[in-house]
Protein backbone atom coordinates (compact mmCIF):
# COMPACT_ATOMS: atom_id res chain seq x y z
CA MET A 1 0.00 0.00 0.00
CA THR A 2 1.36 3.39 -0.99
CA THR A 3 0.47 6.51 0.91
CA THR A 4 0.73 9.97 -0.50
CA SER A 5 1.31 12.98 1.70
CA HIS A 6 -0.64 16.07 0.77
CA SER A 7 1.54 18.31 2.89
CA GLU A 8 4.60 18.33 5.09
CA PHE A 9 2.37 17.51 8.07
CA ASP A 10 2.84 13.92 9.15
CA CYS A 11 -0.51 12.81 10.55
CA ALA A 12 0.80 9.48 11.85
CA GLU A 13 3.65 11.22 13.67
CA PHE A 14 1.20 13.69 15.21
CA VAL A 15 -1.16 10.93 16.35
CA CYS A 16 1.75 9.06 17.93
CA ALA A 17 2.87 12.25 19.70
CA VAL A 18 -0.66 12.78 21.07
CA LEU A 19 -0.85 9.16 22.21
CA ASP A 20 2.54 9.53 23.91
CA TRP A 21 1.29 12.69 25.64
CA LEU A 22 -1.88 10.88 26.77
CA ASP A 23 0.03 7.85 28.05
CA GLY A 24 -0.25 7.66 31.80
CA ARG A 25 -2.71 10.56 32.11
CA GLU A 26 -5.77 10.12 34.26
CA GLU A 27 -8.46 11.79 32.12
CA PRO A 28 -11.57 9.69 31.54
CA ILE A 29 -11.96 8.53 27.95
CA GLU A 30 -15.26 10.44 27.67
CA SER A 31 -13.45 13.71 28.42
CA LEU A 32 -10.88 12.99 25.74
CA ASP A 33 -13.59 12.16 23.22
CA GLU A 34 -15.35 15.43 24.04
CA ALA A 35 -12.12 17.43 23.65
CA PHE A 36 -11.30 15.81 20.30
CA GLU A 37 -14.87 16.36 19.11
CA LEU A 38 -14.61 20.05 19.99
CA LEU A 39 -11.36 20.30 18.03
CA ALA A 40 -12.61 18.23 15.09
CA HIS A 41 -14.16 21.14 13.20
CA THR A 42 -11.83 23.61 11.51
CA ARG A 43 -14.09 26.59 12.19
CA ARG A 44 -14.11 25.87 15.93
CA ARG A 45 -10.32 25.55 15.96
CA LEU A 46 -9.97 28.83 14.08
CA PHE A 47 -12.41 30.55 16.43
CA LEU A 48 -10.45 29.31 19.46
CA GLU A 49 -7.24 30.44 17.76
CA VAL A 50 -8.74 33.93 17.25
CA MET A 51 -9.78 34.09 20.90
CA ARG A 52 -6.31 33.01 22.05
CA THR A 53 -4.59 35.44 19.68
CA TYR A 54 -6.52 38.47 20.87
CA ASP A 55 -6.96 37.20 24.45
CA GLU A 56 -9.65 39.81 25.10
CA GLN A 57 -13.32 40.43 24.63
CA LEU A 58 -14.42 40.73 20.98
CA THR A 59 -17.74 41.28 19.34
CA LEU A 60 -18.97 38.11 17.71
CA PRO A 61 -19.12 39.91 14.31
CA ASP A 62 -15.43 40.87 14.65
CA ALA A 63 -14.50 37.32 15.64
CA ALA A 64 -16.52 35.94 12.71
CA GLU A 65 -14.74 38.30 10.34
CA GLU A 66 -11.35 37.16 11.62
CA VAL A 67 -12.36 33.49 11.30
CA ALA A 68 -13.48 34.16 7.71
CA VAL A 69 -10.11 35.80 6.97
CA ARG A 70 -8.24 32.80 8.35
CA GLU A 71 -10.48 30.30 6.53
CA SER A 72 -10.14 31.99 3.17
CA GLY A 73 -6.60 33.33 3.39
CA ARG A 74 -7.92 36.61 2.02
CA SER A 75 -7.83 40.11 3.45
CA VAL A 76 -10.90 41.60 5.10
CA ALA A 77 -11.36 43.88 2.09
CA ASP A 78 -11.58 40.85 -0.21
CA LEU A 79 -14.30 39.10 1.80
CA SER A 80 -17.94 39.38 0.87
CA ALA A 81 -20.42 40.44 3.52
CA GLU A 82 -22.29 37.21 2.76
CA ARG A 83 -19.22 35.09 3.58
CA VAL A 84 -18.74 36.83 6.93
CA ALA A 85 -22.48 36.56 7.68
CA ASN A 86 -22.39 32.81 6.99
CA VAL A 87 -19.46 32.39 9.38
CA TYR A 88 -21.25 34.50 12.01
CA ILE A 89 -24.43 32.43 11.72
CA SER A 90 -22.60 29.11 12.03
CA LEU A 91 -20.62 30.38 15.01
CA TYR A 92 -23.74 31.74 16.71
CA HIS A 93 -25.97 28.71 16.16
CA ASP A 94 -23.53 25.80 16.24
CA HIS A 95 -19.95 26.35 17.35
CA LEU A 96 -20.29 29.04 20.02
CA PRO A 97 -22.85 27.14 22.15
CA ARG A 98 -20.60 24.06 22.15
CA LEU A 99 -17.58 26.09 23.22
CA VAL A 100 -19.54 27.95 25.90
CA ASP A 101 -20.91 24.65 27.25
CA ALA A 102 -17.35 23.29 27.36
CA GLY A 103 -16.19 26.33 29.34
CA LEU A 104 -13.73 27.50 26.67
CA VAL A 105 -15.35 30.87 25.94
CA GLU A 106 -17.91 33.13 27.53
CA TYR A 107 -20.67 34.87 25.62
CA ASP A 108 -22.72 37.95 26.50
CA GLN A 109 -25.68 37.59 24.15
CA GLU A 110 -27.15 40.97 25.04
CA ARG A 111 -23.97 42.75 23.90
CA ASP A 112 -22.93 40.08 21.36
CA LEU A 113 -19.50 39.82 23.00
CA VAL A 114 -17.29 36.77 23.30
CA SER A 115 -14.31 36.44 25.59
CA PRO A 116 -11.86 33.69 26.40
CA ALA A 117 -12.83 31.78 29.51
CA VAL A 118 -10.52 32.06 32.46
CA ILE A 119 -9.12 28.56 32.86
């Protein structure tokens, strides 16, 4: 069987490194599954990356715009309002509630502000 790498990233090496890191840890398997599920979606990872980069309160529209920039690799000026709106809607309805429930971010719906959770 021949495998072809689509990038310099070595998935097998990464998985082995994660397994090595997990070896001997005490976390219940359910907690690990939940963490990997949270990280499984690119948009959630990008949103968490944005929150860690800024490390301060942001409006959800600003965070959505930054996620759209990172997803597309384009500048803010090159993004359509529709693209940013689609990212906002998916964050608001799907990704944000999961991350709030997991305690990774906090959300003030009245002011439409997100902030990194204090962990």
